[in-house]
Amino acid sequence: MLTLADVLEALTGLRPVINPLVITEAAIDSRQVIPGGLFVAIPGERVDGHEYVSQAFKAGAVAALVEHEIGESFTLLDARPGHWRDVELPLEPPVCILVENTVAALQAIAAFWRRKLNLRVVGVTGSVGKSTTKEAIAQVLRQRYKTLKSHANLNNEIGLPLNVLRLTPGHQYAVLEMGFYVPGEIAQLCEIALPQVGVINNIGTVHAERAGSQETIAQGKGELVEALPPAPEGVAILNYDDPFVRPMESRTRARVFYYGLDPAADLWADKVEGMGLDGIRLRLHYRKEALYVRVPMIGRHSVHTVLRAAAVGLVEGLTWDEIVRGLQESQAQLRLVAVRAENGALILDDTYNASPESTLAALNLLEEIRGRHVAILGDMLELGQYERQGHERVGARAAEVADVLVTFGVRAHLIAESARRAGMRKSVVHEFEEMDALIAWLEKTLTGEDAVLVKGSHSLRMDKIVSALETTQ
């Protein structure tokens, strides 16, 4: 287990001879501290973690990383360069560890701990579907191996180190999400996690406002395959169907394994059939084998999630029985939830976030479900130069799928315009910018025969629409 001695060695390069003190995991929120935890006090624009060190210790933290003295009578160990002194025994918790930068210190500790562990790490990145892919891969690997997966969506320069510090010597695999906003970010995460397997989902337009273009996003995501060790230890699992992902073969020394819907891929699928909320059926092809499977993942777009998880299973030596069992047990469809309104309407709550790619996939799912199709679509943010194009693509598809289109937000006006241009009758396209007015209209309009998709960027808080329909109809 990770100990306080490990933490101090990671920060100073010297291993102190102190009484054993196990660190259970790390946290940056004092409300999430568990007994034996390491609290990382991060100064922020709105909240300074140093103000919550005392609460973290009360919750059971045995140590805290700090950038300045707290002003209370806690033992203080100065781990800054040139300041370290031998610790006098016995060392009683809780202790504050003084560092120059708590985020950098957290990363250094995680990198140190990862290098002490003998396990395989699977890194997962892509514009859409990282979390569902992570869940499915982990469930497949768990059929044979003790596997840790990223908690929630902790996939950045703070979240990934927190996940790494949850590892123990008993783990055989870790499946870690890796997010991207700026070039160099995934390379930094790989330096901490040392992945041997890299899975690239796709390259979309989400976060293009910060990254600039799909080409820049592809360059950043590809840092994962660049960081992999050479074959045979390293394996890059690439989406053959994505024109930005397929060429990443030239950027890696690892073995390349392609998946997709094209028979040219190493693992490919056909006969994909969506069964609405009952999942999907498909046929998998690998070498000379063909296998029919049914999995509980929702929507035809989930075929790529199935392929990614199966690909990891194959390259890591699992049997088809283990892979299929893992896929069928998977609860990878985390964010889209089907609920009933009080009047019986089926509501597809996909309000966690939205990009053009994920919204098109949600519309495809809506098409599979019986009833009058009502699409309630909100602004999609952070698209940068792809803002108009992305909203218009969604509007054109909504015209094909929806019987009624409802838009929410200023940017979503582009969805409505595009749907009308695509031939959707003006009388069934409704635009709102005020949530209360939208909810009131829905309460009067929806029927028990409706299948209703609610989707938009998280900051729009369209989950309030779902809550209102569930409780006020």
Protein backbone atom coordinates (compact mmCIF):
# COMPACT_ATOMS: atom_id res chain seq x y z
CA MET A 1 0.00 0.00 0.00
CA LEU A 2 1.04 3.60 -0.52
CA THR A 3 2.60 5.00 2.65
CA LEU A 4 3.64 8.38 3.97
CA ALA A 5 7.25 7.30 3.43
CA ASP A 6 6.44 6.80 -0.28
CA VAL A 7 4.90 10.27 -0.44
CA LEU A 8 7.96 11.89 1.11
CA GLU A 9 10.36 9.92 -1.08
CA ALA A 10 8.43 10.97 -4.18
CA LEU A 11 8.72 14.62 -3.17
CA THR A 12 12.29 14.73 -1.84
CA GLY A 13 14.12 11.80 -3.46
CA LEU A 14 15.04 10.55 0.02
CA ARG A 15 13.20 7.80 1.86
CA PRO A 16 12.74 8.61 5.55
CA VAL A 17 12.84 5.89 8.18
CA ILE A 18 9.49 6.51 9.86
CA ASN A 19 6.73 4.45 11.39
CA PRO A 20 4.47 2.83 8.74
CA LEU A 21 1.52 5.06 7.88
CA VAL A 22 -0.73 3.85 5.06
CA ILE A 23 -2.33 6.38 2.68
CA THR A 24 -5.69 5.05 1.51
CA GLU A 25 -6.32 7.53 -1.32
CA ALA A 26 -6.07 11.23 -2.15
CA ALA A 27 -8.77 13.90 -2.34
CA ILE A 28 -9.00 17.59 -3.22
CA ASP A 29 -12.40 18.06 -1.57
CA SER A 30 -12.50 17.79 2.22
CA ARG A 31 -16.03 16.38 1.96
CA GLN A 32 -14.67 13.38 0.04
CA VAL A 33 -11.84 12.56 2.44
CA ILE A 34 -11.87 9.06 3.90
CA PRO A 35 -9.91 7.81 6.94
CA GLY A 36 -6.25 7.45 6.06
CA GLY A 37 -6.53 9.85 3.14
CA LEU A 38 -4.13 12.43 1.73
CA PHE A 39 -5.74 15.85 1.33
CA VAL A 40 -4.40 18.08 -1.43
CA ALA A 41 -5.00 21.76 -0.70
CA ILE A 42 -5.32 23.51 -4.06
CA PRO A 43 -5.65 27.30 -4.14
CA GLY A 44 -8.35 28.34 -6.60
CA GLU A 45 -9.97 31.53 -7.83
CA ARG A 46 -13.12 30.96 -5.78
CA VAL A 47 -12.13 28.37 -3.18
CA ASP A 48 -8.78 27.85 -1.46
CA GLY A 49 -8.29 24.30 -0.27
CA HIS A 50 -6.01 25.52 2.53
CA GLU A 51 -9.11 26.77 4.33
CA TYR A 52 -10.36 23.19 4.61
CA VAL A 53 -7.30 21.37 5.92
CA SER A 54 -8.73 21.20 9.43
CA GLN A 55 -11.99 19.70 8.11
CA ALA A 56 -10.00 17.14 6.13
CA PHE A 57 -8.11 16.09 9.24
CA LYS A 58 -11.36 15.82 11.18
CA ALA A 59 -12.66 13.52 8.42
CA GLY A 60 -9.67 11.24 8.94
CA ALA A 61 -6.95 12.49 6.61
CA VAL A 62 -3.50 11.60 7.93
CA ALA A 63 -1.60 14.11 5.78
CA ALA A 64 -2.16 17.21 3.67
CA LEU A 65 -0.15 18.80 0.88
CA VAL A 66 0.00 22.56 1.44
CA GLU A 67 1.73 25.54 -0.13
CA HIS A 68 1.98 27.55 3.08
CA GLU A 69 1.65 27.05 6.83
CA ILE A 70 -1.89 26.64 8.09
CA GLY A 71 -1.45 28.51 11.34
CA GLU A 72 -2.54 25.66 13.57
CA SER A 73 -0.53 23.26 15.67
CA PHE A 74 -0.16 20.53 13.04
CA THR A 75 3.21 18.87 12.43
CA LEU A 76 4.80 20.56 9.41
CA LEU A 77 7.26 18.74 7.13
CA ASP A 78 9.03 20.99 4.62
CA ALA A 79 9.49 18.98 1.41
CA ARG A 80 10.50 21.91 -0.77
CA PRO A 81 13.81 21.60 -2.64
CA GLY A 82 16.70 22.40 -0.31
CA HIS A 83 14.53 22.47 2.83
CA TRP A 84 14.13 18.77 3.71
CA ARG A 85 15.41 17.61 7.08
CA ASP A 86 15.32 14.15 8.61
CA VAL A 87 12.09 13.40 10.44
CA GLU A 88 12.30 12.68 14.13
CA LEU A 89 10.48 9.56 15.29
CA PRO A 90 7.80 8.89 16.24
CA LEU A 91 5.83 10.78 13.60
CA GLU A 92 2.22 11.13 14.65
CA PRO A 93 -0.51 12.11 12.18
CA PRO A 94 -1.95 14.35 11.02
CA VAL A 95 0.93 16.11 9.25
CA CYS A 96 1.12 18.98 6.75
CA ILE A 97 3.65 18.58 3.95
CA LEU A 98 4.87 21.90 2.60
CA VAL A 99 5.50 21.97 -1.17
CA GLU A 100 5.93 24.69 -3.77
CA ASN A 101 2.90 23.61 -5.83
CA THR A 102 0.34 21.12 -4.56
CA VAL A 103 -0.87 20.03 -8.01
CA ALA A 104 2.69 19.36 -9.18
CA ALA A 105 3.34 17.48 -5.94
CA LEU A 106 0.23 15.34 -6.45
CA GLN A 107 1.43 14.49 -9.95
CA ALA A 108 4.93 13.61 -8.72
CA ILE A 109 3.53 11.29 -6.05
CA ALA A 110 1.25 9.57 -8.59
CA ALA A 111 4.10 9.10 -11.07
CA PHE A 112 6.31 7.66 -8.32
CA TRP A 113 3.61 5.24 -7.16
CA ARG A 114 2.78 4.09 -10.71
CA ARG A 115 6.40 3.13 -11.27
CA LYS A 116 6.39 0.94 -8.18
CA LEU A 117 3.46 -1.13 -9.45
CA ASN A 118 3.57 -4.06 -11.85
CA LEU A 119 0.38 -3.82 -13.89
CA ARG A 120 -1.01 -3.06 -17.34
CA VAL A 121 -2.55 0.38 -17.90
CA VAL A 122 -5.12 1.03 -20.62
CA GLY A 123 -5.41 4.70 -21.57
CA VAL A 124 -8.66 5.82 -23.22
CA THR A 125 -9.18 9.09 -25.07
CA GLY A 126 -11.40 10.54 -27.78
CA SER A 127 -13.90 13.30 -28.28
CA VAL A 128 -17.03 11.26 -27.48
CA GLY A 129 -17.57 8.10 -25.46
CA LYS A 130 -14.55 8.01 -23.13
CA SER A 131 -16.57 7.14 -20.04
CA THR A 132 -18.73 4.47 -21.65
CA THR A 133 -15.67 2.93 -23.27
CA LYS A 134 -13.80 2.92 -19.96
CA GLU A 135 -16.71 1.19 -18.24
CA ALA A 136 -17.05 -1.48 -20.93
CA ILE A 137 -13.31 -2.21 -21.10
CA ALA A 138 -13.07 -2.49 -17.32
CA GLN A 139 -16.01 -4.88 -17.20
CA VAL A 140 -14.41 -7.11 -19.83
CA LEU A 141 -11.01 -7.16 -18.11
CA ARG A 142 -12.64 -7.90 -14.74
CA GLN A 143 -13.73 -11.27 -16.05
CA ARG A 144 -10.16 -12.42 -15.42
CA TYR A 145 -8.14 -9.64 -13.76
CA LYS A 146 -8.41 -7.36 -10.75
CA THR A 147 -9.05 -4.06 -12.51
CA LEU A 148 -9.32 -0.45 -11.37
CA LYS A 149 -11.12 2.08 -13.55
CA SER A 150 -11.14 5.87 -13.48
CA HIS A 151 -13.61 7.15 -10.93
CA ALA A 152 -16.37 9.29 -12.46
CA ASN A 153 -14.85 11.53 -15.15
CA LEU A 154 -11.59 12.31 -13.34
CA ASN A 155 -9.45 12.47 -16.47
CA ASN A 156 -7.35 15.65 -16.28
CA GLU A 157 -4.05 16.73 -14.71
CA ILE A 158 -5.63 16.50 -11.24
CA GLY A 159 -8.17 13.71 -11.72
CA LEU A 160 -5.86 11.15 -13.28
CA PRO A 161 -3.28 11.33 -10.46
CA LEU A 162 -6.10 10.91 -7.94
CA ASN A 163 -7.12 7.70 -9.74
CA VAL A 164 -3.54 6.42 -9.88
CA LEU A 165 -3.26 6.81 -6.11
CA ARG A 166 -6.23 4.46 -5.71
CA LEU A 167 -4.12 1.63 -7.14
CA THR A 168 -2.72 -1.11 -4.92
CA PRO A 169 -0.16 -3.85 -5.61
CA GLY A 170 -3.09 -6.23 -5.96
CA HIS A 171 -4.38 -4.56 -9.13
CA GLN A 172 -3.44 -6.20 -12.42
CA TYR A 173 -5.02 -3.63 -14.75
CA ALA A 174 -6.07 0.00 -14.66
CA VAL A 175 -8.37 1.63 -17.23
CA LEU A 176 -7.80 5.38 -17.17
CA GLU A 177 -9.61 8.12 -19.07
CA MET A 178 -7.43 10.86 -20.52
CA GLY A 179 -9.04 14.19 -21.36
CA PHE A 180 -7.73 16.83 -23.73
CA TYR A 181 -8.01 20.60 -23.87
CA VAL A 182 -4.57 21.80 -25.00
CA PRO A 183 -1.60 20.19 -26.79
CA GLY A 184 0.80 18.47 -24.41
CA GLU A 185 -1.87 17.58 -21.85
CA ILE A 186 -2.23 13.91 -22.76
CA ALA A 187 1.55 13.55 -23.04
CA GLN A 188 1.77 14.77 -19.43
CA LEU A 189 -0.91 12.30 -18.31
CA CYS A 190 0.95 9.47 -20.05
CA GLU A 191 4.16 10.43 -18.28
CA ILE A 192 2.30 9.83 -15.02
CA ALA A 193 0.28 6.74 -15.98
CA LEU A 194 2.72 4.92 -18.34
CA PRO A 195 0.00 3.21 -20.41
CA GLN A 196 0.90 0.11 -22.40
CA VAL A 197 -2.44 0.04 -24.26
CA GLY A 198 -3.94 3.14 -25.87
CA VAL A 199 -7.52 3.32 -27.16
CA ILE A 200 -8.54 6.20 -29.43
CA ASN A 201 -12.30 6.57 -29.85
CA ASN A 202 -12.83 9.37 -32.37
CA ILE A 203 -11.99 12.98 -33.17
CA GLY A 204 -14.98 15.30 -32.96
CA THR A 205 -15.55 19.02 -32.56
CA VAL A 206 -16.19 19.19 -28.81
CA HIS A 207 -13.70 21.57 -27.11
CA ALA A 208 -12.71 22.98 -30.51
CA GLU A 209 -13.31 26.44 -29.04
CA ARG A 210 -10.16 25.93 -26.96
CA ALA A 211 -8.21 23.53 -29.16
CA GLY A 212 -8.88 25.40 -32.42
CA SER A 213 -9.57 22.65 -34.98
CA GLN A 214 -10.15 18.93 -35.40
CA GLU A 215 -6.60 18.67 -36.71
CA THR A 216 -5.30 20.16 -33.44
CA ILE A 217 -7.55 17.84 -31.45
CA ALA A 218 -6.24 14.85 -33.41
CA GLN A 219 -2.68 15.96 -32.76
CA GLY A 220 -3.37 16.17 -29.04
CA LYS A 221 -5.26 12.88 -28.76
CA GLY A 222 -2.51 11.15 -30.71
CA GLU A 223 -0.06 11.91 -27.92
CA LEU A 224 -1.45 8.77 -26.29
CA VAL A 225 -0.21 6.43 -29.03
CA GLU A 226 3.11 8.28 -29.20
CA ALA A 227 3.69 7.53 -25.53
CA LEU A 228 3.11 3.78 -25.81
CA PRO A 229 6.07 1.41 -25.55
CA PRO A 230 7.16 -0.47 -28.69
CA ALA A 231 5.48 -3.70 -29.75
CA PRO A 232 4.88 -6.28 -28.46
CA GLU A 233 4.36 -4.62 -25.06
CA GLY A 234 2.61 -1.58 -26.50
CA VAL A 235 -0.70 -1.81 -28.36
CA ALA A 236 -2.55 1.08 -30.06
CA ILE A 237 -6.25 0.34 -30.62
CA LEU A 238 -7.46 2.70 -33.35
CA ASN A 239 -10.82 3.52 -34.92
CA TYR A 240 -10.51 2.52 -38.57
CA ASP A 241 -13.72 4.40 -39.44
CA ASP A 242 -12.42 7.79 -38.27
CA PRO A 243 -10.29 9.60 -40.88
CA PHE A 244 -8.45 11.50 -38.15
CA VAL A 245 -7.67 8.38 -36.08
CA ARG A 246 -6.67 5.86 -38.75
CA PRO A 247 -3.45 7.72 -39.75
CA MET A 248 -2.21 7.67 -36.14
CA GLU A 249 -0.60 4.33 -37.03
CA SER A 250 2.39 6.33 -38.27
CA ARG A 251 2.83 8.02 -34.90
CA THR A 252 3.41 4.97 -32.73
CA ARG A 253 6.00 2.26 -32.16
CA ALA A 254 3.30 0.05 -30.67
CA ARG A 255 1.43 -2.73 -32.40
CA VAL A 256 -1.63 -1.29 -34.15
CA PHE A 257 -5.00 -3.02 -33.85
CA TYR A 258 -7.85 -1.51 -35.87
CA TYR A 259 -11.56 -1.78 -35.06
CA GLY A 260 -14.55 -0.49 -37.01
CA LEU A 261 -17.39 -1.27 -39.40
CA ASP A 262 -15.07 -1.78 -42.36
CA PRO A 263 -13.95 -5.37 -43.16
CA ALA A 264 -10.42 -4.00 -43.54
CA ALA A 265 -10.24 -3.57 -39.74
CA ASP A 266 -8.77 -6.30 -37.53
CA LEU A 267 -12.04 -6.50 -35.59
CA TRP A 268 -15.20 -5.37 -37.36
CA ALA A 269 -18.94 -5.57 -37.00
CA ASP A 270 -21.97 -5.78 -39.28
CA LYS A 271 -25.66 -6.62 -39.03
CA VAL A 272 -26.02 -3.95 -36.33
CA GLU A 273 -29.60 -3.74 -35.12
CA GLY A 274 -30.86 -1.23 -32.58
CA MET A 275 -33.55 -2.51 -30.22
CA GLY A 276 -34.35 0.77 -28.51
CA LEU A 277 -33.97 0.53 -24.76
CA ASP A 278 -33.38 -3.23 -25.01
CA GLY A 279 -29.87 -2.77 -26.40
CA ILE A 280 -28.30 -3.76 -29.70
CA ARG A 281 -27.58 -6.90 -31.72
CA LEU A 282 -24.56 -7.23 -33.96
CA ARG A 283 -22.16 -9.67 -35.58
CA LEU A 284 -18.45 -9.48 -34.71
CA HIS A 285 -15.73 -10.61 -37.09
CA TYR A 286 -12.17 -11.44 -36.03
CA ARG A 287 -9.81 -13.38 -38.24
CA LYS A 288 -11.92 -16.31 -39.48
CA GLU A 289 -14.42 -16.14 -36.63
CA ALA A 290 -17.90 -14.60 -36.72
CA LEU A 291 -19.90 -14.18 -33.55
CA TYR A 292 -23.44 -12.89 -32.99
CA VAL A 293 -23.90 -10.99 -29.72
CA ARG A 294 -26.59 -8.99 -27.99
CA VAL A 295 -25.53 -6.37 -25.46
CA PRO A 296 -27.51 -4.02 -23.19
CA MET A 297 -25.86 -0.82 -24.46
CA ILE A 298 -28.37 1.65 -25.85
CA GLY A 299 -28.26 2.93 -29.43
CA ARG A 300 -26.66 1.70 -32.65
CA HIS A 301 -23.70 4.02 -32.05
CA SER A 302 -22.78 1.76 -29.12
CA VAL A 303 -21.36 -0.72 -31.64
CA HIS A 304 -18.07 1.19 -31.46
CA THR A 305 -18.03 0.90 -27.67
CA VAL A 306 -18.55 -2.85 -28.04
CA LEU A 307 -15.73 -3.04 -30.57
CA ARG A 308 -13.31 -1.08 -28.38
CA ALA A 309 -13.95 -3.23 -25.31
CA ALA A 310 -13.75 -6.44 -27.33
CA ALA A 311 -10.52 -5.26 -28.97
CA VAL A 312 -8.87 -4.72 -25.59
CA GLY A 313 -10.02 -8.15 -24.49
CA LEU A 314 -8.58 -9.78 -27.61
CA VAL A 315 -5.18 -8.09 -27.49
CA GLU A 316 -4.90 -8.86 -23.76
CA GLY A 317 -5.57 -12.56 -24.32
CA LEU A 318 -9.10 -13.00 -23.00
CA THR A 319 -11.37 -15.66 -24.47
CA TRP A 320 -14.52 -14.86 -26.41
CA ASP A 321 -16.57 -16.28 -23.53
CA GLU A 322 -14.95 -13.80 -21.14
CA ILE A 323 -15.32 -10.89 -23.56
CA VAL A 324 -18.98 -11.54 -24.31
CA ARG A 325 -19.79 -12.08 -20.64
CA GLY A 326 -18.15 -8.76 -19.80
CA LEU A 327 -20.04 -6.95 -22.55
CA GLN A 328 -23.35 -8.40 -21.45
CA GLU A 329 -22.71 -7.45 -17.82
CA SER A 330 -21.53 -3.96 -18.71
CA GLN A 331 -23.35 -0.95 -17.33
CA ALA A 332 -21.50 1.36 -19.69
CA GLN A 333 -24.57 3.42 -20.62
CA LEU A 334 -24.10 5.76 -17.67
CA ARG A 335 -25.36 9.13 -18.76
CA LEU A 336 -28.49 8.50 -20.78
CA VAL A 337 -31.30 7.52 -18.45
CA ALA A 338 -34.82 6.54 -19.46
CA VAL A 339 -37.56 7.74 -17.08
CA ARG A 340 -41.31 8.08 -17.23
CA ALA A 341 -43.27 11.28 -16.86
CA GLU A 342 -46.36 11.06 -14.69
CA ASN A 343 -48.54 11.00 -17.81
CA GLY A 344 -46.62 8.02 -19.20
CA ALA A 345 -44.36 9.76 -21.71
CA LEU A 346 -40.95 8.13 -22.03
CA ILE A 347 -38.16 10.64 -21.38
CA LEU A 348 -34.60 9.99 -22.56
CA ASP A 349 -32.55 12.10 -20.16
CA ASP A 350 -29.23 12.76 -21.92
CA THR A 351 -28.57 16.13 -20.31
CA TYR A 352 -25.05 15.48 -19.02
CA ASN A 353 -23.49 17.19 -22.01
CA ALA A 354 -23.80 17.58 -25.78
CA SER A 355 -21.69 17.67 -28.91
CA PRO A 356 -22.82 17.25 -32.51
CA GLU A 357 -21.60 13.66 -32.52
CA SER A 358 -23.31 12.63 -29.29
CA THR A 359 -26.52 14.46 -30.21
CA LEU A 360 -26.71 12.71 -33.58
CA ALA A 361 -26.25 9.39 -31.77
CA ALA A 362 -29.05 10.29 -29.34
CA LEU A 363 -31.34 11.17 -32.25
CA ASN A 364 -30.58 7.80 -33.82
CA LEU A 365 -31.68 6.15 -30.58
CA LEU A 366 -34.87 8.21 -30.51
CA GLU A 367 -35.65 6.94 -34.00
CA GLU A 368 -35.59 3.35 -32.72
CA ILE A 369 -38.25 3.92 -30.05
CA ARG A 370 -41.97 3.66 -30.66
CA GLY A 371 -44.22 6.69 -30.26
CA ARG A 372 -44.33 10.30 -31.33
CA HIS A 373 -40.75 11.51 -31.37
CA VAL A 374 -40.17 14.77 -29.50
CA ALA A 375 -36.63 16.14 -29.57
CA ILE A 376 -35.79 18.86 -27.02
CA LEU A 377 -32.34 20.09 -28.00
CA GLY A 378 -30.26 22.83 -26.40
CA ASP A 379 -27.14 24.79 -27.21
CA MET A 380 -23.94 22.83 -27.82
CA LEU A 381 -21.06 24.83 -26.38
CA GLU A 382 -17.28 25.02 -26.96
CA LEU A 383 -17.49 24.15 -30.67
CA GLY A 384 -15.46 27.13 -31.84
CA GLN A 385 -15.30 27.38 -35.61
CA TYR A 386 -17.62 24.35 -35.89
CA GLU A 387 -20.51 25.98 -34.02
CA ARG A 388 -22.75 26.73 -37.01
CA GLN A 389 -21.82 23.55 -38.86
CA GLY A 390 -22.43 21.36 -35.80
CA HIS A 391 -25.82 22.83 -34.96
CA GLU A 392 -26.94 22.65 -38.58
CA ARG A 393 -25.96 18.98 -38.86
CA VAL A 394 -28.07 18.24 -35.82
CA GLY A 395 -31.00 20.22 -37.19
CA ALA A 396 -30.94 18.33 -40.47
CA ARG A 397 -31.00 14.99 -38.68
CA ALA A 398 -33.71 16.14 -36.27
CA ALA A 399 -35.91 16.90 -39.31
CA GLU A 400 -35.58 13.24 -40.34
CA VAL A 401 -36.20 11.75 -36.89
CA ALA A 402 -38.45 14.04 -34.85
CA ASP A 403 -42.18 14.62 -35.17
CA VAL A 404 -41.79 17.66 -32.90
CA LEU A 405 -38.60 19.70 -32.45
CA VAL A 406 -38.15 21.97 -29.44
CA THR A 407 -34.98 24.06 -29.10
CA PHE A 408 -33.64 25.80 -26.02
CA GLY A 409 -31.02 28.52 -26.05
CA VAL A 410 -29.62 31.11 -28.41
CA ARG A 411 -27.33 28.82 -30.42
CA ALA A 412 -30.05 26.18 -30.75
CA HIS A 413 -31.83 28.60 -33.08
CA LEU A 414 -29.41 27.24 -35.69
CA ILE A 415 -30.84 23.76 -35.10
CA ALA A 416 -34.39 25.02 -35.68
CA GLU A 417 -33.42 26.93 -38.82
CA SER A 418 -31.63 23.93 -40.26
CA ALA A 419 -34.57 21.62 -39.53
CA ARG A 420 -36.97 23.95 -41.31
CA ARG A 421 -34.65 24.18 -44.31
CA ALA A 422 -34.53 20.37 -44.38
CA GLY A 423 -38.32 20.30 -44.80
CA MET A 424 -39.66 20.14 -41.26
CA ARG A 425 -42.99 21.93 -40.98
CA LYS A 426 -42.82 25.26 -39.17
CA SER A 427 -45.80 24.31 -37.02
CA VAL A 428 -43.87 21.50 -35.31
CA VAL A 429 -40.68 23.50 -34.62
CA HIS A 430 -40.77 25.47 -31.37
CA GLU A 431 -37.99 27.71 -30.01
CA PHE A 432 -37.53 28.78 -26.38
CA GLU A 433 -34.95 30.81 -24.50
CA GLU A 434 -36.69 30.74 -21.10
CA MET A 435 -36.84 27.43 -19.25
CA ASP A 436 -40.02 28.19 -17.33
CA ALA A 437 -41.88 28.91 -20.57
CA LEU A 438 -40.51 25.74 -22.13
CA ILE A 439 -41.57 23.59 -19.17
CA ALA A 440 -45.04 25.14 -19.11
CA TRP A 441 -45.45 24.42 -22.83
CA LEU A 442 -44.33 20.82 -22.42
CA GLU A 443 -46.72 20.24 -19.52
CA LYS A 444 -49.61 21.23 -21.79
CA THR A 445 -48.38 19.45 -24.91
CA LEU A 446 -46.80 16.09 -24.12
CA THR A 447 -48.91 12.93 -24.11
CA GLY A 448 -48.44 9.41 -22.84
CA GLU A 449 -47.63 8.29 -26.38
CA ASP A 450 -44.52 10.45 -26.66
CA ALA A 451 -40.85 9.43 -26.68
CA VAL A 452 -38.97 12.55 -25.59
CA LEU A 453 -35.24 13.19 -25.97
CA VAL A 454 -33.79 15.95 -23.76
CA LYS A 455 -30.19 16.89 -24.61
CA GLY A 456 -27.96 19.96 -24.38
CA SER A 457 -24.69 21.18 -22.92
CA HIS A 458 -24.39 20.71 -19.18
CA SER A 459 -24.29 24.40 -18.31
CA LEU A 460 -27.82 24.84 -19.67
CA ARG A 461 -29.08 22.65 -16.78
CA MET A 462 -31.65 20.94 -18.95
CA ASP A 463 -31.89 18.26 -16.27
CA LYS A 464 -34.36 20.67 -14.65
CA ILE A 465 -36.70 20.00 -17.57
CA VAL A 466 -36.58 16.28 -16.86
CA SER A 467 -37.19 16.84 -13.14
CA ALA A 468 -40.19 19.04 -13.88
CA LEU A 469 -41.73 16.52 -16.25
CA GLU A 470 -41.24 13.70 -13.78
CA THR A 471 -42.88 15.52 -10.87
CA THR A 472 -45.39 18.05 -12.20
CA GLN A 473 -47.25 16.28 -15.00
